[in-house]
């Protein structure tokens, strides 16, 4: 278990409980069940208290937790017959973006998502989920194919933002993001987006300009990272806590102002503590949202999607 900074007191209690059990395993005559159970109860109460009212900055930390399920985990658990499709037919394949054909509850779909990787090797291969232009062009190509064959599109968003490297800028990063966003607005099939971790800036918008946008309870979605915002406004990245408050990047804030349509509850302690349960909850909500959209006329889907994004900012401004 990887513990976040604010979870250190919890780590101590759970560590003591595990130490007792380790001693009992080494010495069968020791009876530590009662003491270990008491520590477990104390840890469970502390976990509930810690996650009862997370600050926006703590939600950022949870959203970035390395043990949260990633795009690859959701695809493997929720989709059948996944057939990955690679390349943008222009420059290269981008491993930060997964995408392909699959079946969700026997419904053929196209699924696209950011993949961060789960260890040093895969994180480097996936560029920590930061897509280059070819990743967004691949996504636009897959959305275009979905539109041609009448397949709903599901996107899973988890990126700190588009990759800002020199090569990416030379190959037209901004234009590629804009084209992907434009494609989201044009396709005449249901488009559902779920923010499963970080939704960073235009790198997330390029996938999340959807008919239905959902967020996991402790995910975040913002125009810039709190650290980046603090560096610009206060010339001090250490003011990220104040920036997180000002950005209104939590799922709860974004639901109030109409940026997203629903919040998917996470188990107590976050998605990282119960990956299977989290994935199952995402699957249930995805099925509901897909059921609300399948069967609608293409023109109606496009019109609803455009209206949704034109109306952003007109709801909940007084809150």
Protein backbone atom coordinates (compact mmCIF):
# COMPACT_ATOMS: atom_id res chain seq x y z
CA UNK A 1 0.00 0.00 0.00
CA UNK A 2 1.30 3.43 -0.98
CA UNK A 3 0.22 6.05 1.54
CA UNK A 4 -0.31 9.72 0.75
CA UNK A 5 1.14 12.44 2.96
CA UNK A 6 -2.09 13.05 4.85
CA UNK A 7 -2.54 9.31 5.39
CA UNK A 8 0.64 8.90 7.51
CA UNK A 9 -1.23 8.49 10.83
CA UNK A 10 -3.31 5.77 9.18
CA UNK A 11 -0.16 4.10 7.88
CA UNK A 12 1.20 3.84 11.42
CA UNK A 13 -1.91 2.14 12.76
CA UNK A 14 -2.25 -0.27 9.85
CA UNK A 15 1.47 -0.96 10.07
CA UNK A 16 1.21 -1.87 13.75
CA UNK A 17 -1.70 -4.23 13.04
CA UNK A 18 0.32 -5.96 10.34
CA UNK A 19 3.35 -6.21 12.64
CA UNK A 20 1.24 -7.98 15.24
CA UNK A 21 -0.05 -10.44 12.66
CA UNK A 22 3.49 -11.03 11.39
CA UNK A 23 4.62 -11.84 14.93
CA UNK A 24 1.72 -14.25 15.34
CA UNK A 25 2.63 -15.99 12.10
CA UNK A 26 6.19 -16.38 13.33
CA UNK A 27 5.09 -17.61 16.76
CA UNK A 28 1.94 -19.71 16.68
CA UNK A 29 1.57 -19.47 20.47
CA UNK A 30 0.95 -15.71 20.38
CA UNK A 31 -2.68 -14.58 20.39
CA UNK A 32 -2.90 -11.10 18.91
CA UNK A 33 -6.33 -11.31 17.32
CA UNK A 34 -7.99 -8.98 19.80
CA UNK A 35 -5.28 -6.30 19.64
CA UNK A 36 -5.10 -6.48 15.84
CA UNK A 37 -8.88 -6.24 15.52
CA UNK A 38 -8.90 -3.17 17.77
CA UNK A 39 -6.27 -1.53 15.56
CA UNK A 40 -8.28 -2.46 12.46
CA UNK A 41 -11.36 -0.75 13.88
CA UNK A 42 -9.35 2.33 14.77
CA UNK A 43 -7.87 2.41 11.26
CA UNK A 44 -11.31 2.05 9.65
CA UNK A 45 -12.66 4.95 11.72
CA UNK A 46 -9.65 7.09 10.85
CA UNK A 47 -10.00 6.27 7.15
CA UNK A 48 -13.65 7.40 7.18
CA UNK A 49 -12.70 10.60 8.97
CA UNK A 50 -9.83 11.39 6.60
CA UNK A 51 -11.97 10.93 3.48
CA UNK A 52 -15.15 12.50 4.85
CA UNK A 53 -14.26 16.04 3.76
CA UNK A 54 -11.18 16.03 1.57
CA UNK A 55 -9.80 19.43 0.62
CA UNK A 56 -9.32 20.13 -3.11
CA UNK A 57 -5.56 19.67 -2.76
CA UNK A 58 -5.99 16.31 -1.05
CA UNK A 59 -8.35 15.28 -3.82
CA UNK A 60 -5.57 16.13 -6.30
CA UNK A 61 -3.26 13.83 -4.36
CA UNK A 62 -5.82 11.02 -4.37
CA UNK A 63 -6.52 11.51 -8.10
CA UNK A 64 -2.79 11.05 -8.77
CA UNK A 65 -2.40 8.02 -6.51
CA UNK A 66 -0.24 5.45 -8.33
CA UNK A 67 -2.43 2.55 -7.17
CA UNK A 68 -5.66 3.86 -8.70
CA UNK A 69 -6.99 1.71 -11.56
CA UNK A 70 -5.88 3.09 -14.91
CA UNK A 71 -7.37 2.99 -18.41
CA UNK A 72 -5.86 -0.42 -19.17
CA UNK A 73 -7.47 -1.88 -16.01
CA UNK A 74 -10.92 -0.59 -16.98
CA UNK A 75 -10.62 -1.86 -20.53
CA UNK A 76 -9.53 -5.31 -19.41
CA UNK A 77 -12.30 -5.57 -16.79
CA UNK A 78 -15.29 -3.94 -18.50
CA UNK A 79 -14.82 -4.55 -22.22
CA UNK A 80 -14.70 -7.78 -24.20
CA UNK A 81 -13.02 -8.53 -27.50
CA UNK A 82 -10.87 -5.41 -27.23
CA UNK A 83 -8.92 -4.95 -30.45
CA UNK A 84 -6.33 -2.16 -30.16
CA UNK A 85 -5.77 0.12 -33.13
CA UNK A 86 -2.49 1.98 -33.43
CA UNK A 87 -1.03 5.01 -35.15
CA UNK A 88 -2.32 8.28 -36.52
CA UNK A 89 -1.64 7.30 -40.19
CA UNK A 90 0.65 10.32 -40.33
CA UNK A 91 3.65 10.14 -38.01
CA UNK A 92 3.72 7.45 -35.31
CA UNK A 93 2.00 5.49 -32.58
CA UNK A 94 1.54 7.21 -29.20
CA UNK A 95 1.54 4.79 -26.27
CA UNK A 96 0.06 7.42 -23.94
CA UNK A 97 -3.29 6.89 -25.71
CA UNK A 98 -5.02 3.51 -25.86
CA UNK A 99 -7.84 2.97 -28.31
CA UNK A 100 -9.66 0.35 -30.28
CA UNK A 101 -12.79 -1.65 -30.96
CA UNK A 102 -14.50 -3.55 -28.15
CA UNK A 103 -17.80 -4.78 -26.78
CA UNK A 104 -19.43 -3.33 -23.69
CA UNK A 105 -22.37 -5.44 -22.50
CA UNK A 106 -22.56 -6.89 -26.05
CA UNK A 107 -22.75 -3.37 -27.50
CA UNK A 108 -19.98 -2.73 -30.06
CA UNK A 109 -18.13 0.45 -29.11
CA UNK A 110 -14.91 2.34 -29.68
CA UNK A 111 -13.01 2.95 -26.44
CA UNK A 112 -10.22 5.53 -26.12
CA UNK A 113 -8.26 6.60 -23.06
CA UNK A 114 -5.08 7.98 -21.54
CA UNK A 115 -2.82 5.36 -19.97
CA UNK A 116 -0.22 6.43 -17.39
CA UNK A 117 1.46 3.09 -16.72
CA UNK A 118 1.91 1.33 -13.39
CA UNK A 119 5.66 1.06 -12.84
CA UNK A 120 8.80 2.90 -13.94
CA UNK A 121 9.12 1.01 -17.22
CA UNK A 122 5.50 1.37 -18.30
CA UNK A 123 5.27 4.97 -17.12
CA UNK A 124 8.18 5.86 -19.36
CA UNK A 125 6.65 3.90 -22.24
CA UNK A 126 3.31 5.66 -21.72
CA UNK A 127 4.95 9.07 -21.14
CA UNK A 128 3.04 9.30 -17.83
CA UNK A 129 -0.24 9.64 -19.74
CA UNK A 130 0.83 12.85 -21.51
CA UNK A 131 -0.16 12.47 -25.14
CA UNK A 132 1.74 13.89 -28.09
CA UNK A 133 0.04 15.20 -31.27
CA UNK A 134 -0.09 11.73 -32.79
CA UNK A 135 -2.08 10.50 -29.80
CA UNK A 136 -4.80 13.09 -30.38
CA UNK A 137 -4.74 12.45 -34.12
CA UNK A 138 -5.14 8.75 -33.44
CA UNK A 139 -8.11 9.52 -31.19
CA UNK A 140 -9.69 11.70 -33.89
CA UNK A 141 -9.16 8.90 -36.43
CA UNK A 142 -10.87 6.38 -34.15
CA UNK A 143 -13.79 8.74 -33.49
CA UNK A 144 -14.17 9.27 -37.21
CA UNK A 145 -14.26 5.50 -37.74
CA UNK A 146 -16.84 5.12 -34.95
CA UNK A 147 -19.01 7.75 -36.63
CA UNK A 148 -18.75 5.96 -39.97
CA UNK A 149 -19.90 2.65 -38.52
CA UNK A 150 -22.40 4.00 -35.99
CA UNK A 151 -20.48 2.89 -32.89
CA UNK A 152 -20.77 4.72 -29.56
CA UNK A 153 -17.50 6.19 -28.24
CA UNK A 154 -16.32 5.82 -24.64
CA UNK A 155 -13.35 7.88 -23.45
CA UNK A 156 -11.45 7.40 -20.19
CA UNK A 157 -9.60 10.54 -19.14
CA UNK A 158 -6.52 10.39 -16.92
CA UNK A 159 -3.79 12.83 -17.87
CA UNK A 160 -1.88 15.65 -16.20
CA UNK A 161 -2.09 17.39 -19.58
CA UNK A 162 -0.80 17.14 -23.13
CA UNK A 163 2.95 16.67 -23.47
CA UNK A 164 4.65 20.11 -23.73
CA UNK A 165 7.94 18.92 -25.28
CA UNK A 166 9.69 20.63 -28.17
CA UNK A 167 8.99 17.81 -30.63
CA UNK A 168 5.29 17.79 -29.74
CA UNK A 169 5.05 21.54 -30.33
CA UNK A 170 6.92 21.23 -33.63
CA UNK A 171 4.43 18.59 -34.81
CA UNK A 172 1.42 20.77 -33.97
CA UNK A 173 0.31 19.87 -30.45
CA UNK A 174 -2.26 22.68 -30.14
CA UNK A 175 -3.71 21.99 -33.58
CA UNK A 176 -4.00 18.26 -32.83
CA UNK A 177 -5.85 18.95 -29.56
CA UNK A 178 -8.18 21.37 -31.36
CA UNK A 179 -8.88 18.81 -34.11
CA UNK A 180 -9.67 16.11 -31.57
CA UNK A 181 -12.02 18.47 -29.70
CA UNK A 182 -13.65 19.44 -33.00
CA UNK A 183 -14.13 15.78 -33.87
CA UNK A 184 -15.85 15.21 -30.52
CA UNK A 185 -18.34 17.93 -31.45
CA UNK A 186 -18.95 16.57 -34.95
CA UNK A 187 -19.59 12.85 -34.59
CA UNK A 188 -23.21 11.70 -34.75
CA UNK A 189 -22.87 8.81 -32.28
CA UNK A 190 -23.17 8.73 -28.47
CA UNK A 191 -20.00 10.01 -26.81
CA UNK A 192 -19.45 9.33 -23.11
CA UNK A 193 -16.43 10.48 -21.14
CA UNK A 194 -15.37 9.45 -17.63
CA UNK A 195 -12.58 11.23 -15.72
CA UNK A 196 -10.98 8.38 -13.77
CA UNK A 197 -8.05 10.32 -12.30
CA UNK A 198 -6.67 13.62 -13.55
CA UNK A 199 -8.38 15.68 -16.20
CA UNK A 200 -5.66 18.11 -17.12
CA UNK A 201 -6.32 21.09 -19.38
CA UNK A 202 -6.79 20.75 -23.15
CA UNK A 203 -5.27 17.30 -23.01
CA UNK A 204 -8.43 16.18 -21.23
CA UNK A 205 -10.94 18.38 -23.10
CA UNK A 206 -9.84 16.75 -26.37
CA UNK A 207 -11.43 13.51 -25.13
CA UNK A 208 -14.11 14.86 -22.79
CA UNK A 209 -16.22 17.07 -25.07
CA UNK A 210 -18.97 14.49 -24.72
CA UNK A 211 -22.74 14.06 -24.47
CA UNK A 212 -22.29 12.72 -20.94
CA UNK A 213 -19.31 13.56 -18.73
CA UNK A 214 -18.85 11.74 -15.44
CA UNK A 215 -16.12 11.92 -12.82
CA UNK A 216 -15.03 9.56 -10.11
CA UNK A 217 -15.66 11.10 -6.70
CA UNK A 218 -12.02 11.94 -5.97
CA UNK A 219 -10.87 12.74 -9.50
CA UNK A 220 -10.06 16.29 -10.62
CA UNK A 221 -10.64 18.25 -13.83
CA UNK A 222 -9.04 21.65 -14.37
CA UNK A 223 -7.67 24.13 -16.88
CA UNK A 224 -4.21 23.90 -15.27
CA UNK A 225 -2.57 21.98 -12.46
CA UNK A 226 -2.59 23.64 -9.01
CA UNK A 227 1.21 23.82 -9.12
CA UNK A 228 1.15 25.51 -12.53
CA UNK A 229 -1.55 27.93 -11.43
CA UNK A 230 0.40 28.84 -8.27
CA UNK A 231 3.57 29.40 -10.28
CA UNK A 232 1.77 31.83 -12.59
CA UNK A 233 -0.35 33.71 -10.04
CA UNK A 234 1.97 33.80 -7.03
CA UNK A 235 5.33 32.86 -8.58
CA UNK A 236 5.43 30.12 -5.97
CA UNK A 237 4.50 26.50 -6.75
CA UNK A 238 4.22 25.83 -2.99
CA UNK A 239 0.94 27.74 -2.97
CA UNK A 240 -0.70 24.81 -4.77
CA UNK A 241 -3.19 24.34 -1.91
CA UNK A 242 -4.60 27.84 -2.40
CA UNK A 243 -4.61 27.32 -6.16
CA UNK A 244 -6.53 24.05 -5.83
CA UNK A 245 -9.20 25.86 -3.80
CA UNK A 246 -9.50 28.65 -6.38
CA UNK A 247 -9.63 26.37 -9.43
CA UNK A 248 -12.84 24.59 -8.37
CA UNK A 249 -11.46 21.40 -9.83
CA UNK A 250 -13.32 18.82 -7.75
CA UNK A 251 -16.15 16.68 -9.10
CA UNK A 252 -18.51 18.25 -6.55
CA UNK A 253 -17.75 21.81 -7.71
CA UNK A 254 -17.93 20.90 -11.39
CA UNK A 255 -21.30 19.19 -11.00
CA UNK A 256 -22.70 22.37 -9.41
CA UNK A 257 -21.65 24.57 -12.33
CA UNK A 258 -22.73 22.12 -15.02
CA UNK A 259 -19.34 21.06 -16.40
CA UNK A 260 -20.08 17.40 -15.65
CA UNK A 261 -23.28 15.37 -15.48
CA UNK A 262 -22.69 12.88 -12.68
CA UNK A 263 -20.32 11.80 -9.92
CA UNK A 264 -19.43 8.14 -9.52
CA UNK A 265 -18.89 7.38 -5.81
CA UNK A 266 -15.63 5.76 -4.79
CA UNK A 267 -15.18 3.23 -1.96
CA UNK A 268 -14.08 4.68 1.38
CA UNK A 269 -10.40 5.47 1.07
CA UNK A 270 -10.52 6.04 -2.68
CA UNK A 271 -10.36 3.88 -5.78
CA UNK A 272 -6.88 2.69 -4.88
CA UNK A 273 -8.19 0.76 -1.85
CA UNK A 274 -10.81 -1.21 -3.76
CA UNK A 275 -9.95 -1.30 -7.43
CA UNK A 276 -12.45 -4.02 -8.39
CA UNK A 277 -15.36 -2.28 -6.68
CA UNK A 278 -14.46 1.03 -8.33
CA UNK A 279 -14.28 -0.54 -11.78
CA UNK A 280 -17.62 -2.26 -11.21
CA UNK A 281 -19.23 1.08 -10.22
CA UNK A 282 -17.83 2.74 -13.33
CA UNK A 283 -19.27 -0.08 -15.43
CA UNK A 284 -22.75 0.36 -13.92
CA UNK A 285 -22.74 4.11 -14.51
CA UNK A 286 -21.41 3.69 -18.04
CA UNK A 287 -24.23 1.27 -18.83
CA UNK A 288 -26.79 3.77 -17.54
CA UNK A 289 -25.37 6.68 -19.53
CA UNK A 290 -25.07 4.60 -22.69
CA UNK A 291 -28.68 3.45 -22.30
CA UNK A 292 -29.80 7.10 -22.17
CA UNK A 293 -28.10 7.91 -25.49
CA UNK A 294 -28.33 4.83 -27.70
CA UNK A 295 -31.14 5.16 -30.22
CA UNK A 296 -31.05 8.95 -30.47
CA UNK A 297 -30.78 10.50 -33.92
CA UNK A 298 -27.28 11.66 -34.94
CA UNK A 299 -28.41 15.26 -35.43
CA UNK A 300 -29.95 15.31 -31.96
CA UNK A 301 -26.77 13.94 -30.37
CA UNK A 302 -24.63 16.57 -32.09
CA UNK A 303 -27.03 19.39 -31.18
CA UNK A 304 -27.25 18.31 -27.52
CA UNK A 305 -23.48 18.05 -27.26
CA UNK A 306 -22.90 21.48 -28.77
CA UNK A 307 -25.57 23.07 -26.58
CA UNK A 308 -24.10 21.43 -23.48
CA UNK A 309 -20.74 23.09 -24.02
CA UNK A 310 -22.13 26.43 -25.11
CA UNK A 311 -24.09 26.53 -21.86
CA UNK A 312 -21.11 25.83 -19.60
CA UNK A 313 -20.64 28.73 -17.23
CA UNK A 314 -24.30 29.75 -17.13
CA UNK A 315 -25.16 27.38 -14.27
CA UNK A 316 -24.34 27.80 -10.62
CA UNK A 317 -22.28 31.01 -10.98
CA UNK A 318 -23.72 32.42 -7.79
CA UNK A 319 -22.55 29.39 -5.77
